[in-house]
PDB file of N, CA and C in Angstrom:
ATOM      1  N   MET A   1      86.923 -63.691 234.406  1.00  0.00           N
ATOM      2  CA  MET A   1      87.273 -63.127 233.121  1.00  0.00           C
ATOM      3  C   MET A   1      86.082 -62.325 232.596  1.00  0.00           C
ATOM      4  N   LYS A   2      86.270 -61.026 232.394  1.00  0.00           N
ATOM      5  CA  LYS A   2      85.211 -60.189 231.842  1.00  0.00           C
ATOM      6  C   LYS A   2      85.472 -59.964 230.359  1.00  0.00           C
ATOM      7  N   LYS A   3      84.456 -60.230 229.567  1.00  0.00           N
ATOM      8  CA  LYS A   3      84.524 -60.006 228.124  1.00  0.00           C
ATOM      9  C   LYS A   3      83.294 -59.229 227.702  1.00  0.00           C
ATOM     10  N   ARG A   4      83.487 -58.288 226.798  1.00  0.00           N
ATOM     11  CA  ARG A   4      82.412 -57.459 226.275  1.00  0.00           C
ATOM     12  C   ARG A   4      81.827 -58.115 225.028  1.00  0.00           C
ATOM     13  N   LEU A   5      80.498 -58.171 224.912  1.00  0.00           N
ATOM     14  CA  LEU A   5      79.823 -58.704 223.731  1.00  0.00           C
ATOM     15  C   LEU A   5      79.489 -57.545 222.804  1.00  0.00           C
ATOM     16  N   VAL A   6      79.860 -57.669 221.526  1.00  0.00           N
ATOM     17  CA  VAL A   6      79.635 -56.595 220.562  1.00  0.00           C
ATOM     18  C   VAL A   6      79.076 -57.142 219.248  1.00  0.00           C
ATOM     19  N   MET A   7      78.433 -56.249 218.505  1.00  0.00           N
ATOM     20  CA  MET A   7      78.082 -56.526 217.117  1.00  0.00           C
ATOM     21  C   MET A   7      78.951 -55.603 216.279  1.00  0.00           C
ATOM     22  N   VAL A   8      79.651 -56.178 215.313  1.00  0.00           N
ATOM     23  CA  VAL A   8      80.524 -55.402 214.436  1.00  0.00           C
ATOM     24  C   VAL A   8      79.899 -55.382 213.043  1.00  0.00           C
ATOM     25  N   GLU A   9      79.644 -54.176 212.541  1.00  0.00           N
ATOM     26  CA  GLU A   9      79.185 -54.027 211.161  1.00  0.00           C
ATOM     27  C   GLU A   9      80.407 -53.648 210.341  1.00  0.00           C
ATOM     28  N   TRP A  10      80.670 -54.419 209.272  1.00  0.00           N
ATOM     29  CA  TRP A  10      81.898 -54.217 208.523  1.00  0.00           C
ATOM     30  C   TRP A  10      81.733 -54.610 207.062  1.00  0.00           C
ATOM     31  N   ILE A  11      82.684 -54.200 206.250  1.00  0.00           N
ATOM     32  CA  ILE A  11      82.706 -54.501 204.823  1.00  0.00           C
ATOM     33  C   ILE A  11      83.764 -55.572 204.575  1.00  0.00           C
ATOM     34  N   ASP A  12      83.384 -56.617 203.832  1.00  0.00           N
ATOM     35  CA  ASP A  12      84.317 -57.694 203.511  1.00  0.00           C
ATOM     36  C   ASP A  12      84.489 -57.783 202.000  1.00  0.00           C
ATOM     37  N   ALA A  13      85.632 -58.276 201.590  1.00  0.00           N
ATOM     38  CA  ALA A  13      85.863 -58.555 200.174  1.00  0.00           C
ATOM     39  C   ALA A  13      85.019 -59.763 199.776  1.00  0.00           C
ATOM     40  N   ILE A  14      84.705 -59.850 198.514  1.00  0.00           N
ATOM     41  CA  ILE A  14      83.972 -61.002 198.004  1.00  0.00           C
ATOM     42  C   ILE A  14      84.675 -61.453 196.730  1.00  0.00           C
ATOM     43  N   SER A  15      84.712 -62.746 196.503  1.00  0.00           N
ATOM     44  CA  SER A  15      85.395 -63.254 195.309  1.00  0.00           C
ATOM     45  C   SER A  15      84.374 -63.830 194.333  1.00  0.00           C
ATOM     46  N   HIS A  16      84.768 -63.909 193.097  1.00  0.00           N
ATOM     47  CA  HIS A  16      83.892 -64.452 192.057  1.00  0.00           C
ATOM     48  C   HIS A  16      83.744 -65.945 192.278  1.00  0.00           C
ATOM     49  N   ASP A  17      82.543 -66.453 192.252  1.00  0.00           N
ATOM     50  CA  ASP A  17      82.250 -67.863 192.506  1.00  0.00           C
ATOM     51  C   ASP A  17      82.821 -68.748 191.409  1.00  0.00           C
ATOM     52  N   GLY A  18      83.379 -69.859 191.801  1.00  0.00           N
ATOM     53  CA  GLY A  18      83.846 -70.859 190.840  1.00  0.00           C
ATOM     54  C   GLY A  18      85.208 -70.576 190.232  1.00  0.00           C
ATOM     55  N   GLY A  19      85.824 -69.482 190.592  1.00  0.00           N
ATOM     56  CA  GLY A  19      87.157 -69.184 190.074  1.00  0.00           C
ATOM     57  C   GLY A  19      87.176 -68.804 188.598  1.00  0.00           C
ATOM     58  N   ALA A  20      86.010 -68.518 188.010  1.00  0.00           N
ATOM     59  CA  ALA A  20      85.959 -68.154 186.594  1.00  0.00           C
ATOM     60  C   ALA A  20      86.447 -66.725 186.397  1.00  0.00           C
ATOM     61  N   TRP A  21      86.944 -66.450 185.203  1.00  0.00           N
ATOM     62  CA  TRP A  21      87.382 -65.099 184.873  1.00  0.00           C
ATOM     63  C   TRP A  21      86.182 -64.184 184.721  1.00  0.00           C
ATOM     64  N   LEU A  22      86.332 -62.935 185.117  1.00  0.00           N
ATOM     65  CA  LEU A  22      85.288 -61.925 184.943  1.00  0.00           C
ATOM     66  C   LEU A  22      85.487 -61.212 183.617  1.00  0.00           C
ATOM     67  N   SER A  23      84.393 -60.831 182.992  1.00  0.00           N
ATOM     68  CA  SER A  23      84.520 -59.997 181.797  1.00  0.00           C
ATOM     69  C   SER A  23      84.742 -58.551 182.240  1.00  0.00           C
ATOM     70  N   ALA A  24      85.284 -57.741 181.366  1.00  0.00           N
ATOM     71  CA  ALA A  24      85.607 -56.350 181.702  1.00  0.00           C
ATOM     72  C   ALA A  24      84.374 -55.540 182.064  1.00  0.00           C
ATOM     73  N   ASP A  25      83.189 -55.940 181.575  1.00  0.00           N
ATOM     74  CA  ASP A  25      81.981 -55.166 181.858  1.00  0.00           C
ATOM     75  C   ASP A  25      81.118 -55.778 182.968  1.00  0.00           C
ATOM     76  N   ASP A  26      81.637 -56.754 183.708  1.00  0.00           N
ATOM     77  CA  ASP A  26      80.884 -57.373 184.808  1.00  0.00           C
ATOM     78  C   ASP A  26      80.953 -56.468 186.033  1.00  0.00           C
ATOM     79  N   ASP A  27      79.836 -55.807 186.357  1.00  0.00           N
ATOM     80  CA  ASP A  27      79.829 -54.896 187.494  1.00  0.00           C
ATOM     81  C   ASP A  27      78.951 -55.403 188.631  1.00  0.00           C
ATOM     82  N   ASN A  28      78.671 -56.701 188.654  1.00  0.00           N
ATOM     83  CA  ASN A  28      77.811 -57.279 189.694  1.00  0.00           C
ATOM     84  C   ASN A  28      78.563 -57.687 190.948  1.00  0.00           C
ATOM     85  N   LEU A  29      79.864 -57.644 190.912  1.00  0.00           N
ATOM     86  CA  LEU A  29      80.665 -58.075 192.050  1.00  0.00           C
ATOM     87  C   LEU A  29      80.998 -56.868 192.920  1.00  0.00           C
ATOM     88  N   GLU A  30      80.458 -56.842 194.151  1.00  0.00           N
ATOM     89  CA  GLU A  30      80.680 -55.734 195.067  1.00  0.00           C
ATOM     90  C   GLU A  30      81.073 -56.267 196.435  1.00  0.00           C
ATOM     91  N   PRO A  31      81.791 -55.465 197.243  1.00  0.00           N
ATOM     92  CA  PRO A  31      82.087 -55.887 198.613  1.00  0.00           C
ATOM     93  C   PRO A  31      80.791 -56.194 199.368  1.00  0.00           C
ATOM     94  N   SER A  32      80.902 -57.033 200.370  1.00  0.00           N
ATOM     95  CA  SER A  32      79.742 -57.507 201.120  1.00  0.00           C
ATOM     96  C   SER A  32      79.616 -56.780 202.459  1.00  0.00           C
ATOM     97  N   ASN A  33      78.399 -56.339 202.786  1.00  0.00           N
ATOM     98  CA  ASN A  33      78.127 -55.777 204.110  1.00  0.00           C
ATOM     99  C   ASN A  33      77.918 -56.937 205.077  1.00  0.00           C
ATOM    100  N   CYS A  34      78.644 -56.941 206.180  1.00  0.00           N
ATOM    101  CA  CYS A  34      78.607 -58.055 207.129  1.00  0.00           C
ATOM    102  C   CYS A  34      78.263 -57.566 208.531  1.00  0.00           C
ATOM    103  N   ARG A  35      77.745 -58.489 209.336  1.00  0.00           N
ATOM    104  CA  ARG A  35      77.563 -58.274 210.773  1.00  0.00           C
ATOM    105  C   ARG A  35      78.085 -59.513 211.483  1.00  0.00           C
ATOM    106  N   SER A  36      78.925 -59.288 212.456  1.00  0.00           N
ATOM    107  CA  SER A  36      79.456 -60.374 213.275  1.00  0.00           C
ATOM    108  C   SER A  36      79.222 -60.028 214.737  1.00  0.00           C
ATOM    109  N   VAL A  37      78.858 -61.035 215.532  1.00  0.00           N
ATOM    110  CA  VAL A  37      78.642 -60.850 216.970  1.00  0.00           C
ATOM    111  C   VAL A  37      79.615 -61.748 217.713  1.00  0.00           C
ATOM    112  N   GLY A  38      80.261 -61.184 218.728  1.00  0.00           N
ATOM    113  CA  GLY A  38      81.186 -61.994 219.506  1.00  0.00           C
ATOM    114  C   GLY A  38      81.722 -61.249 220.717  1.00  0.00           C
ATOM    115  N   TRP A  39      82.463 -61.999 221.522  1.00  0.00           N
ATOM    116  CA  TRP A  39      83.108 -61.469 222.723  1.00  0.00           C
ATOM    117  C   TRP A  39      84.445 -60.878 222.310  1.00  0.00           C
ATOM    118  N   VAL A  40      84.737 -59.649 222.751  1.00  0.00           N
ATOM    119  CA  VAL A  40      85.983 -58.979 222.382  1.00  0.00           C
ATOM    120  C   VAL A  40      87.159 -59.636 223.091  1.00  0.00           C
ATOM    121  N   LEU A  41      88.097 -60.154 222.301  1.00  0.00           N
ATOM    122  CA  LEU A  41      89.327 -60.718 222.845  1.00  0.00           C
ATOM    123  C   LEU A  41      90.426 -59.667 222.860  1.00  0.00           C
ATOM    124  N   LYS A  42      90.479 -58.856 221.787  1.00  0.00           N
ATOM    125  CA  LYS A  42      91.503 -57.817 221.678  1.00  0.00           C
ATOM    126  C   LYS A  42      90.960 -56.707 220.783  1.00  0.00           C
ATOM    127  N   ASP A  43      91.202 -55.472 221.183  1.00  0.00           N
ATOM    128  CA  ASP A  43      90.763 -54.300 220.417  1.00  0.00           C
ATOM    129  C   ASP A  43      91.947 -53.352 220.328  1.00  0.00           C
ATOM    130  N   THR A  44      92.556 -53.246 219.148  1.00  0.00           N
ATOM    131  CA  THR A  44      93.730 -52.404 218.959  1.00  0.00           C
ATOM    132  C   THR A  44      93.413 -51.290 217.962  1.00  0.00           C
ATOM    133  N   GLU A  45      94.398 -50.463 217.668  1.00  0.00           N
ATOM    134  CA  GLU A  45      94.227 -49.418 216.646  1.00  0.00           C
ATOM    135  C   GLU A  45      94.038 -50.024 215.272  1.00  0.00           C
ATOM    136  N   ARG A  46      94.561 -51.231 215.036  1.00  0.00           N
ATOM    137  CA  ARG A  46      94.539 -51.859 213.712  1.00  0.00           C
ATOM    138  C   ARG A  46      93.388 -52.830 213.492  1.00  0.00           C
ATOM    139  N   TYR A  47      92.900 -53.488 214.552  1.00  0.00           N
ATOM    140  CA  TYR A  47      91.886 -54.524 214.373  1.00  0.00           C
ATOM    141  C   TYR A  47      91.104 -54.765 215.653  1.00  0.00           C
ATOM    142  N   ILE A  48      89.975 -55.480 215.499  1.00  0.00           N
ATOM    143  CA  ILE A  48      89.236 -55.996 216.650  1.00  0.00           C
ATOM    144  C   ILE A  48      89.155 -57.513 216.462  1.00  0.00           C
ATOM    145  N   HIS A  49      89.428 -58.253 217.505  1.00  0.00           N
ATOM    146  CA  HIS A  49      89.416 -59.720 217.483  1.00  0.00           C
ATOM    147  C   HIS A  49      88.275 -60.172 218.386  1.00  0.00           C
ATOM    148  N   ILE A  50      87.296 -60.876 217.807  1.00  0.00           N
ATOM    149  CA  ILE A  50      86.151 -61.348 218.582  1.00  0.00           C
ATOM    150  C   ILE A  50      86.019 -62.857 218.461  1.00  0.00           C
ATOM    151  N   ALA A  51      85.370 -63.469 219.457  1.00  0.00           N
ATOM    152  CA  ALA A  51      85.122 -64.915 219.449  1.00  0.00           C
ATOM    153  C   ALA A  51      83.646 -65.170 219.713  1.00  0.00           C
ATOM    154  N   ALA A  52      83.081 -66.128 218.992  1.00  0.00           N
ATOM    155  CA  ALA A  52      81.660 -66.451 219.120  1.00  0.00           C
ATOM    156  C   ALA A  52      81.396 -67.503 220.192  1.00  0.00           C
ATOM    157  N   HIS A  53      82.390 -68.334 220.517  1.00  0.00           N
ATOM    158  CA  HIS A  53      82.162 -69.463 221.422  1.00  0.00           C
ATOM    159  C   HIS A  53      83.237 -69.529 222.504  1.00  0.00           C
ATOM    160  N   PHE A  54      82.814 -69.861 223.722  1.00  0.00           N
ATOM    161  CA  PHE A  54      83.732 -70.127 224.833  1.00  0.00           C
ATOM    162  C   PHE A  54      83.313 -71.425 225.507  1.00  0.00           C
ATOM    163  N   SER A  55      84.289 -72.151 226.066  1.00  0.00           N
ATOM    164  CA  SER A  55      83.966 -73.329 226.873  1.00  0.00           C
ATOM    165  C   SER A  55      83.379 -72.861 228.203  1.00  0.00           C
ATOM    166  N   ASN A  56      82.786 -73.781 228.959  1.00  0.00           N
ATOM    167  CA  ASN A  56      82.142 -73.425 230.229  1.00  0.00           C
ATOM    168  C   ASN A  56      83.071 -72.705 231.194  1.00  0.00           C
ATOM    169  N   ASP A  57      84.347 -73.088 231.216  1.00  0.00           N
ATOM    170  CA  ASP A  57      85.279 -72.430 232.137  1.00  0.00           C
ATOM    171  C   ASP A  57      85.965 -71.214 231.508  1.00  0.00           C
ATOM    172  N   GLY A  58      85.645 -70.926 230.227  1.00  0.00           N
ATOM    173  CA  GLY A  58      86.212 -69.759 229.559  1.00  0.00           C
ATOM    174  C   GLY A  58      87.629 -69.954 229.056  1.00  0.00           C
ATOM    175  N   ALA A  59      88.180 -71.165 229.201  1.00  0.00           N
ATOM    176  CA  ALA A  59      89.569 -71.402 228.821  1.00  0.00           C
ATOM    177  C   ALA A  59      89.741 -71.557 227.306  1.00  0.00           C
ATOM    178  N   ASP A  60      88.760 -72.114 226.640  1.00  0.00           N
ATOM    179  CA  ASP A  60      88.860 -72.362 225.204  1.00  0.00           C
ATOM    180  C   ASP A  60      87.831 -71.526 224.464  1.00  0.00           C
ATOM    181  N   MET A  61      88.215 -71.071 223.259  1.00  0.00           N
ATOM    182  CA  MET A  61      87.279 -70.291 222.460  1.00  0.00           C
ATOM    183  C   MET A  61      87.345 -70.756 221.018  1.00  0.00           C
ATOM    184  N   GLY A  62      86.327 -70.377 220.238  1.00  0.00           N
ATOM    185  CA  GLY A  62      86.288 -70.748 218.831  1.00  0.00           C
ATOM    186  C   GLY A  62      85.391 -69.809 218.056  1.00  0.00           C
ATOM    187  N   GLY A  63      85.348 -70.023 216.762  1.00  0.00           N
ATOM    188  CA  GLY A  63      84.555 -69.158 215.907  1.00  0.00           C
ATOM    189  C   GLY A  63      85.060 -67.739 215.955  1.00  0.00           C
ATOM    190  N   ASP A  64      86.394 -67.572 216.047  1.00  0.00           N
ATOM    191  CA  ASP A  64      86.924 -66.221 216.193  1.00  0.00           C
ATOM    192  C   ASP A  64      87.279 -65.612 214.843  1.00  0.00           C
ATOM    193  N   ILE A  65      87.273 -64.286 214.822  1.00  0.00           N
ATOM    194  CA  ILE A  65      87.571 -63.532 213.611  1.00  0.00           C
ATOM    195  C   ILE A  65      88.300 -62.253 214.011  1.00  0.00           C
ATOM    196  N   CYS A  66      89.233 -61.853 213.171  1.00  0.00           N
ATOM    197  CA  CYS A  66      89.999 -60.630 213.371  1.00  0.00           C
ATOM    198  C   CYS A  66      89.640 -59.687 212.224  1.00  0.00           C
ATOM    199  N   ILE A  67      89.016 -58.551 212.539  1.00  0.00           N
ATOM    200  CA  ILE A  67      88.500 -57.637 211.519  1.00  0.00           C
ATOM    201  C   ILE A  67      89.347 -56.362 211.517  1.00  0.00           C
ATOM    202  N   PRO A  68      89.942 -55.998 210.367  1.00  0.00           N
ATOM    203  CA  PRO A  68      90.721 -54.756 210.289  1.00  0.00           C
ATOM    204  C   PRO A  68      89.847 -53.533 210.544  1.00  0.00           C
ATOM    205  N   LYS A  69      90.367 -52.570 211.307  1.00  0.00           N
ATOM    206  CA  LYS A  69      89.598 -51.370 211.645  1.00  0.00           C
ATOM    207  C   LYS A  69      89.176 -50.596 210.399  1.00  0.00           C
ATOM    208  N   GLY A  70      89.959 -50.628 209.336  1.00  0.00           N
ATOM    209  CA  GLY A  70      89.607 -49.923 208.112  1.00  0.00           C
ATOM    210  C   GLY A  70      88.355 -50.467 207.435  1.00  0.00           C
ATOM    211  N   CYS A  71      87.957 -51.690 207.778  1.00  0.00           N
ATOM    212  CA  CYS A  71      86.761 -52.318 207.203  1.00  0.00           C
ATOM    213  C   CYS A  71      85.524 -52.116 208.069  1.00  0.00           C
ATOM    214  N   ILE A  72      85.707 -51.623 209.292  1.00  0.00           N
ATOM    215  CA  ILE A  72      84.604 -51.525 210.251  1.00  0.00           C
ATOM    216  C   ILE A  72      83.806 -50.239 210.053  1.00  0.00           C
ATOM    217  N   LYS A  73      82.484 -50.406 209.965  1.00  0.00           N
ATOM    218  CA  LYS A  73      81.574 -49.261 209.873  1.00  0.00           C
ATOM    219  C   LYS A  73      81.097 -48.841 211.259  1.00  0.00           C
ATOM    220  N   ARG A  74      80.849 -49.849 212.135  1.00  0.00           N
ATOM    221  CA  ARG A  74      80.320 -49.550 213.466  1.00  0.00           C
ATOM    222  C   ARG A  74      80.540 -50.740 214.389  1.00  0.00           C
ATOM    223  N   VAL A  75      80.809 -50.437 215.659  1.00  0.00           N
ATOM    224  CA  VAL A  75      80.859 -51.456 216.713  1.00  0.00           C
ATOM    225  C   VAL A  75      79.828 -51.053 217.752  1.00  0.00           C
ATOM    226  N   LYS A  76      78.897 -51.956 218.020  1.00  0.00           N
ATOM    227  CA  LYS A  76      77.839 -51.673 218.988  1.00  0.00           C
ATOM    228  C   LYS A  76      77.955 -52.654 220.148  1.00  0.00           C
ATOM    229  N   GLY A  77      78.106 -52.107 221.364  1.00  0.00           N
ATOM    230  CA  GLY A  77      78.165 -52.949 222.560  1.00  0.00           C
ATOM    231  C   GLY A  77      76.793 -53.514 222.864  1.00  0.00           C
ATOM    232  N   LEU A  78      76.752 -54.788 223.252  1.00  0.00           N
ATOM    233  CA  LEU A  78      75.509 -55.444 223.650  1.00  0.00           C
ATOM    234  C   LEU A  78      75.516 -55.595 225.167  1.00  0.00           C
ATOM    235  N   ALA A  79      74.376 -55.586 225.790  1.00  0.00           N
ATOM    236  CA  ALA A  79      74.264 -55.477 227.242  1.00  0.00           C
ATOM    237  C   ALA A  79      74.457 -56.796 227.980  1.00  0.00           C
ATOM    238  N   ILE A  80      75.544 -57.514 227.678  1.00  0.00           N
ATOM    239  CA  ILE A  80      75.864 -58.769 228.342  1.00  0.00           C
ATOM    240  C   ILE A  80      77.365 -58.799 228.558  1.00  0.00           C
ATOM    241  N   GLU A  81      77.797 -59.279 229.713  1.00  0.00           N
ATOM    242  CA  GLU A  81      79.217 -59.502 229.952  1.00  0.00           C
ATOM    243  C   GLU A  81      79.424 -60.933 230.359  1.00  0.00           C
ATOM    244  N   PHE A  82      80.628 -61.459 230.060  1.00  0.00           N
ATOM    245  CA  PHE A  82      80.973 -62.848 230.364  1.00  0.00           C
ATOM    246  C   PHE A  82      82.171 -62.843 231.260  1.00  0.00           C
TER     247      PHE A  82
END
């Protein structure tokens, strides 16, 4: 099984901590710049699905995330294959 390792730079939504209401003039809440590293499971026109962990035989994976392409700033391939 060959999998490509990538770093994905993307923008994520952020929510107000504690579930409290925001005042109309609160401008401190902004989307978050993120970086995620993982093995590419699926790369489509709509999203990229990566996983951070695999079992020794590659049958099981975990720590996976599906990132919408509209949120992605850059995908950089890393020089390792699995």
